N, C-alpha and C. Protein backbone atom coordinates (compact mmCIF):
# COMPACT_ATOMS: atom_id res chain seq x y z
N UNK A 1 30.91 -60.25 20.15
CA UNK A 1 30.31 -59.96 21.58
C UNK A 1 30.27 -58.38 21.48
N UNK A 2 31.27 -57.55 21.43
CA UNK A 2 31.14 -56.12 21.75
C UNK A 2 30.02 -55.39 21.00
N UNK A 3 29.91 -56.08 19.59
CA UNK A 3 29.01 -55.56 18.71
C UNK A 3 27.93 -55.78 19.59
N UNK A 4 27.26 -57.01 20.29
CA UNK A 4 26.13 -56.94 20.69
C UNK A 4 25.88 -56.07 21.74
N UNK A 5 26.77 -55.60 22.69
CA UNK A 5 27.21 -54.61 23.94
C UNK A 5 26.59 -53.27 23.52
N UNK A 6 27.15 -53.09 22.16
CA UNK A 6 26.86 -51.51 21.54
C UNK A 6 25.47 -51.51 21.08
N UNK A 7 25.00 -52.58 20.88
CA UNK A 7 23.26 -52.38 21.08
C UNK A 7 22.28 -52.60 22.14
N UNK A 8 22.98 -53.43 22.83
CA UNK A 8 22.13 -53.56 23.89
C UNK A 8 21.91 -52.83 25.23
N UNK A 9 23.09 -51.88 25.55
CA UNK A 9 23.39 -51.24 26.24
C UNK A 9 22.75 -49.61 25.98
N UNK A 10 22.35 -49.08 24.85
CA UNK A 10 21.48 -48.26 24.78
C UNK A 10 19.85 -48.25 24.51
N UNK A 11 19.77 -49.62 24.33
CA UNK A 11 18.43 -49.68 24.10
C UNK A 11 17.91 -50.61 25.43
N UNK A 12 18.95 -51.00 26.28
CA UNK A 12 18.29 -50.86 28.10
C UNK A 12 18.20 -49.91 28.32
N UNK A 13 19.19 -48.53 27.85
CA UNK A 13 19.25 -47.39 28.52
C UNK A 13 17.41 -46.38 28.32
N UNK A 14 17.64 -46.64 26.82
CA UNK A 14 15.94 -45.86 26.61
C UNK A 14 15.27 -46.79 27.34
N UNK A 15 14.75 -47.80 27.40
CA UNK A 15 13.53 -48.85 27.74
C UNK A 15 13.55 -48.41 29.50
N UNK A 16 15.25 -47.69 29.98
CA UNK A 16 14.86 -47.70 31.67
C UNK A 16 14.05 -46.58 31.65
N UNK A 17 14.57 -45.73 30.68
CA UNK A 17 14.08 -43.97 31.01
C UNK A 17 12.66 -43.92 30.47
N UNK A 18 12.22 -44.86 29.51
CA UNK A 18 11.01 -44.95 29.29
C UNK A 18 10.09 -45.49 30.16
N UNK A 19 10.47 -46.32 30.90
CA UNK A 19 10.12 -46.94 32.63
C UNK A 19 9.89 -45.87 33.15
N UNK A 20 10.58 -45.23 33.76
CA UNK A 20 10.63 -44.25 34.55
C UNK A 20 9.70 -43.32 34.22
N UNK A 21 9.62 -42.54 33.42
CA UNK A 21 8.90 -41.56 32.75
C UNK A 21 7.59 -42.23 32.80
N UNK A 22 7.02 -43.45 32.43
CA UNK A 22 5.65 -44.00 32.67
C UNK A 22 5.01 -44.56 34.00
N UNK A 23 6.17 -44.63 34.56
CA UNK A 23 5.39 -44.69 36.10
C UNK A 23 5.29 -43.69 36.64
N UNK A 24 6.47 -42.55 36.10
CA UNK A 24 6.13 -41.20 37.15
C UNK A 24 4.68 -40.48 36.30
N UNK A 25 4.30 -40.88 35.29
CA UNK A 25 3.45 -40.08 34.96
C UNK A 25 1.87 -41.11 35.11
N UNK A 26 1.88 -42.08 35.22
CA UNK A 26 1.05 -42.73 35.68
C UNK A 26 0.78 -42.95 37.05
N UNK A 27 1.72 -42.61 37.86
CA UNK A 27 1.26 -42.44 39.57
C UNK A 27 1.23 -40.73 39.53
N UNK A 28 1.35 -39.95 38.71
CA UNK A 28 0.99 -38.60 38.74
C UNK A 28 -0.75 -38.94 38.30
N UNK A 29 -1.14 -39.22 37.62
CA UNK A 29 -2.55 -39.36 37.08
C UNK A 29 -3.46 -40.17 38.08
N UNK A 30 -3.11 -41.14 38.56
CA UNK A 30 -3.54 -41.97 39.53
C UNK A 30 -4.05 -40.89 40.75
N UNK A 31 -2.78 -40.06 41.05
CA UNK A 31 -2.85 -39.43 42.40
C UNK A 31 -4.40 -38.64 42.07
N UNK A 32 -4.01 -37.93 40.91
CA UNK A 32 -5.39 -36.53 40.76
C UNK A 32 -6.54 -37.45 40.49
N UNK A 33 -6.81 -38.57 39.70
CA UNK A 33 -7.59 -39.28 39.86
C UNK A 33 -8.28 -39.86 41.42
N UNK A 34 -7.59 -40.09 42.15
CA UNK A 34 -7.95 -40.51 43.38
C UNK A 34 -8.40 -39.38 44.26
N UNK A 35 -7.93 -38.29 43.85
CA UNK A 35 -8.20 -36.55 44.63
C UNK A 35 -9.54 -36.24 44.23
N UNK A 36 -9.75 -36.60 42.78
CA UNK A 36 -11.32 -36.36 42.16
C UNK A 36 -12.37 -37.36 42.81
N UNK A 37 -11.94 -38.09 42.79
CA UNK A 37 -13.15 -39.32 43.39
C UNK A 37 -13.44 -39.22 45.00
N UNK A 38 -12.38 -38.64 46.01
CA UNK A 38 -12.41 -38.45 47.17
C UNK A 38 -12.96 -37.06 47.35
N UNK A 39 -13.31 -36.37 46.47
CA UNK A 39 -14.22 -35.25 46.34
C UNK A 39 -13.53 -33.85 46.43
N UNK A 40 -12.16 -33.53 46.56
CA UNK A 40 -11.01 -32.79 46.44
C UNK A 40 -10.76 -32.35 45.27
N UNK A 41 -10.20 -31.01 45.35
CA UNK A 41 -9.62 -30.49 43.92
C UNK A 41 -8.19 -30.28 43.79
N UNK A 42 -7.93 -31.19 43.07
CA UNK A 42 -6.50 -31.12 42.91
C UNK A 42 -5.93 -29.78 42.26
N UNK A 43 -6.32 -28.97 41.67
CA UNK A 43 -5.65 -27.39 41.47
C UNK A 43 -5.12 -26.89 42.85
N UNK A 44 -6.24 -26.97 43.97
CA UNK A 44 -5.71 -26.43 45.20
C UNK A 44 -4.63 -26.56 45.92
N UNK A 45 -4.15 -28.02 45.66
CA UNK A 45 -2.60 -28.71 46.55
C UNK A 45 -1.72 -27.75 45.66
N UNK A 46 -1.62 -26.94 44.81
CA UNK A 46 -0.64 -26.74 43.94
C UNK A 46 0.03 -25.32 44.14
N UNK A 47 -0.91 -24.41 44.70
CA UNK A 47 -0.34 -23.10 45.49
C UNK A 47 0.54 -22.90 46.49
N UNK A 48 1.63 -23.29 45.92
CA UNK A 48 2.64 -22.67 47.05
C UNK A 48 3.23 -21.58 46.76
N UNK A 49 3.33 -21.26 45.57
CA UNK A 49 3.60 -19.91 45.38
C UNK A 49 4.98 -19.46 45.63
N UNK A 50 5.90 -19.69 46.59
CA UNK A 50 7.13 -19.06 47.20
C UNK A 50 8.35 -19.51 46.57
N UNK A 51 8.08 -21.22 45.73
CA UNK A 51 9.04 -21.84 45.56
C UNK A 51 9.90 -20.98 44.12
N UNK A 52 9.48 -20.07 43.37
CA UNK A 52 10.33 -19.06 42.73
C UNK A 52 11.25 -18.40 43.62
N UNK A 53 11.18 -17.90 44.73
CA UNK A 53 12.28 -17.27 45.38
C UNK A 53 13.40 -18.31 45.76
N UNK A 54 12.62 -19.60 46.28
CA UNK A 54 14.01 -20.81 46.82
C UNK A 54 14.79 -20.92 45.22
N UNK A 55 13.93 -21.13 44.41
CA UNK A 55 14.73 -21.28 42.82
C UNK A 55 15.56 -20.34 42.71
N UNK A 56 15.30 -19.08 42.91
CA UNK A 56 16.20 -17.70 42.11
C UNK A 56 17.09 -17.84 43.33
N UNK A 57 17.20 -18.01 44.10
CA UNK A 57 17.95 -17.90 45.57
C UNK A 57 18.89 -18.86 45.24
N UNK A 58 18.77 -20.13 45.01
CA UNK A 58 19.52 -21.24 44.45
C UNK A 58 20.58 -20.90 43.23
N UNK A 59 19.77 -20.39 42.45
CA UNK A 59 20.55 -20.20 40.99
C UNK A 59 21.58 -19.07 41.25
N UNK A 60 21.30 -18.16 42.35
CA UNK A 60 22.23 -17.26 42.86
C UNK A 60 22.99 -17.20 43.75
N UNK A 61 23.21 -18.35 44.76
CA UNK A 61 24.01 -18.14 45.32
C UNK A 61 25.00 -19.69 45.05
N UNK A 62 24.45 -20.89 44.80
CA UNK A 62 25.30 -21.80 43.92
C UNK A 62 26.37 -21.21 43.44
N UNK A 63 25.99 -20.54 42.31
CA UNK A 63 27.38 -20.25 41.06
C UNK A 63 28.34 -18.96 42.08
N UNK A 64 27.47 -18.29 43.01
CA UNK A 64 28.70 -17.24 43.66
C UNK A 64 29.34 -18.42 44.77
N UNK A 65 28.98 -19.60 45.37
CA UNK A 65 29.77 -20.31 46.09
C UNK A 65 30.82 -20.88 45.58
N UNK A 66 30.40 -21.46 44.11
CA UNK A 66 31.84 -21.83 43.13
C UNK A 66 32.76 -21.04 43.06
N UNK A 67 32.34 -20.04 42.78
CA UNK A 67 33.07 -18.65 42.42
C UNK A 67 34.05 -18.60 43.60
N UNK A 68 33.47 -18.37 44.67
CA UNK A 68 34.48 -18.15 46.19
C UNK A 68 35.12 -19.19 46.59
N UNK A 69 35.06 -20.33 46.58
CA UNK A 69 35.66 -21.64 46.48
C UNK A 69 36.49 -21.83 45.32
N UNK A 70 36.76 -21.22 44.58
CA UNK A 70 37.56 -21.09 43.26
C UNK A 70 38.47 -19.75 43.48
N UNK A 71 38.00 -18.68 44.14
CA UNK A 71 38.87 -17.50 44.43
C UNK A 71 39.74 -17.98 45.87
N UNK A 72 39.08 -18.71 46.55
CA UNK A 72 39.83 -18.87 47.67
C UNK A 72 40.92 -20.26 47.60
N UNK A 73 40.65 -21.02 46.87
CA UNK A 73 41.82 -21.54 46.35
C UNK A 73 42.70 -21.28 45.37
N UNK A 74 42.55 -20.33 44.61
CA UNK A 74 43.70 -19.54 44.12
C UNK A 74 44.63 -18.85 45.24
N UNK A 75 43.93 -18.18 46.43
CA UNK A 75 44.67 -17.23 47.17
C UNK A 75 45.44 -18.14 47.95
N UNK A 76 44.83 -19.67 48.71
CA UNK A 76 45.12 -20.61 49.76
C UNK A 76 45.56 -21.68 49.04
N UNK A 77 46.01 -22.49 48.37
CA UNK A 77 46.56 -23.66 47.22
C UNK A 77 46.62 -24.50 48.13
N UNK A 78 45.87 -25.05 49.22
CA UNK A 78 46.05 -25.66 50.20
C UNK A 78 45.41 -27.29 50.01
N UNK A 79 43.69 -26.63 49.35
CA UNK A 79 43.22 -27.83 48.85
C UNK A 79 42.64 -27.05 47.79
N UNK A 80 42.79 -28.26 46.81
CA UNK A 80 42.46 -28.47 45.54
C UNK A 80 40.93 -27.35 45.24
N UNK A 81 41.21 -26.68 43.73
CA UNK A 81 40.22 -25.79 43.42
C UNK A 81 38.98 -26.69 43.27
N UNK A 82 38.83 -28.02 42.68
CA UNK A 82 37.37 -28.41 42.58
C UNK A 82 37.01 -28.38 44.00
N UNK A 83 37.69 -28.95 44.84
CA UNK A 83 37.29 -29.50 45.98
C UNK A 83 36.17 -28.32 46.84
N UNK A 84 37.30 -27.12 46.86
CA UNK A 84 36.69 -26.11 47.62
C UNK A 84 35.17 -25.68 46.94
N UNK A 85 35.29 -25.32 45.32
CA UNK A 85 34.06 -25.35 44.31
C UNK A 85 32.92 -25.89 44.87
N UNK A 86 33.12 -27.29 45.11
CA UNK A 86 31.72 -28.16 45.57
C UNK A 86 31.63 -27.60 46.74
N UNK A 87 32.70 -27.66 47.71
CA UNK A 87 32.12 -27.49 49.22
C UNK A 87 31.46 -25.88 49.33
N UNK A 88 31.97 -25.00 48.93
CA UNK A 88 31.44 -23.97 48.92
C UNK A 88 29.90 -23.63 48.05
N UNK A 89 29.89 -24.65 47.20
CA UNK A 89 28.40 -24.39 46.52
C UNK A 89 27.42 -25.13 47.70
N UNK A 90 27.78 -26.34 48.04
CA UNK A 90 26.73 -26.63 49.07
C UNK A 90 26.52 -25.74 50.57
N UNK A 91 27.43 -25.08 50.45
CA UNK A 91 27.46 -24.11 51.92
C UNK A 91 26.55 -22.87 51.44
N UNK A 92 27.05 -22.47 50.44
CA UNK A 92 26.05 -21.52 49.66
C UNK A 92 24.53 -21.67 49.60
N UNK A 93 24.19 -22.95 48.97
CA UNK A 93 23.25 -23.73 48.36
C UNK A 93 22.42 -23.57 49.88
N UNK A 94 22.88 -23.92 50.99
CA UNK A 94 22.39 -24.36 52.16
C UNK A 94 21.86 -22.82 52.91
N UNK A 95 22.75 -21.11 52.77
CA UNK A 95 22.42 -20.52 52.91
C UNK A 95 21.32 -20.23 52.32
N UNK A 96 21.54 -20.10 50.99
CA UNK A 96 20.05 -19.88 49.66
C UNK A 96 18.89 -20.44 50.48
N UNK A 97 18.85 -21.89 51.04
CA UNK A 97 17.80 -22.35 51.10
C UNK A 97 17.30 -21.68 52.75
N UNK A 98 17.92 -21.49 53.71
CA UNK A 98 17.93 -20.83 54.85
C UNK A 98 17.47 -19.70 54.52
N UNK A 99 17.69 -18.59 53.63
CA UNK A 99 17.21 -17.38 53.47
C UNK A 99 16.13 -17.62 53.15
N UNK A 100 15.83 -18.35 51.99
CA UNK A 100 14.21 -18.19 51.63
C UNK A 100 13.33 -18.94 52.61
N UNK A 101 13.64 -19.81 53.60
CA UNK A 101 13.08 -20.21 54.56
C UNK A 101 12.12 -18.74 54.88
N UNK A 102 13.58 -17.75 55.42
CA UNK A 102 12.88 -16.99 56.60
C UNK A 102 12.43 -16.00 55.52
N UNK A 103 12.50 -15.24 54.41
CA UNK A 103 11.55 -14.55 53.29
C UNK A 103 10.23 -15.27 53.44
N UNK A 104 10.03 -16.42 53.10
CA UNK A 104 8.67 -17.18 52.92
C UNK A 104 8.33 -16.70 54.33
N UNK A 105 8.53 -17.54 55.61
CA UNK A 105 8.01 -17.22 56.74
C UNK A 105 7.46 -16.06 56.92
N UNK A 106 7.93 -14.46 56.23
CA UNK A 106 7.60 -13.35 56.62
C UNK A 106 6.71 -13.12 55.76
N UNK A 107 6.54 -13.50 54.08
CA UNK A 107 5.63 -13.60 53.47
C UNK A 107 3.97 -14.04 54.28
N UNK A 108 4.14 -15.56 55.07
CA UNK A 108 3.18 -15.98 55.22
C UNK A 108 2.58 -14.78 56.86
N UNK A 109 3.81 -14.53 57.67
CA UNK A 109 3.31 -13.46 58.64
C UNK A 109 2.47 -12.48 58.24
N UNK A 110 2.66 -11.74 56.63
CA UNK A 110 2.68 -10.62 56.55
C UNK A 110 0.83 -11.02 55.92
N UNK A 111 0.99 -11.97 55.15
CA UNK A 111 -0.51 -13.03 54.71
C UNK A 111 -1.40 -13.36 56.26
N UNK A 112 -0.96 -13.55 56.98
CA UNK A 112 -1.65 -13.82 58.15
C UNK A 112 -2.39 -12.39 59.05
N UNK A 113 -1.26 -11.57 58.70
CA UNK A 113 -1.61 -10.07 59.41
C UNK A 113 -3.23 -9.39 58.50
N UNK A 114 -3.17 -9.70 57.36
CA UNK A 114 -4.26 -9.03 56.57
C UNK A 114 -5.26 -10.05 56.76
N UNK A 115 -5.46 -10.94 57.22
CA UNK A 115 -6.80 -11.80 57.24
C UNK A 115 -7.66 -11.15 58.61
């Protein structure tokens, strides 16, 4: 009984991963073809440009939040360190997204002033 489970579970996991990737790729290709058939250029919709700022701020603020949570947990041992690290990671992640929003808004305002 256990030998069958040891074989079926990994096969089912690989089949599920393959199915998810297949559906994602075919949906992306169908979207691109539908845009081409409608006379739109699919490459024009990909020009967001400021997502690198958002990603960089998240990569900077989230570890900083985890570090801050662990330091506070060591100084004030009321709550466990793992809980505070996670809480501060979410708080600092929100701060990063808010900061990136205002930075991107400033960039858009500069772009509009130039036009």
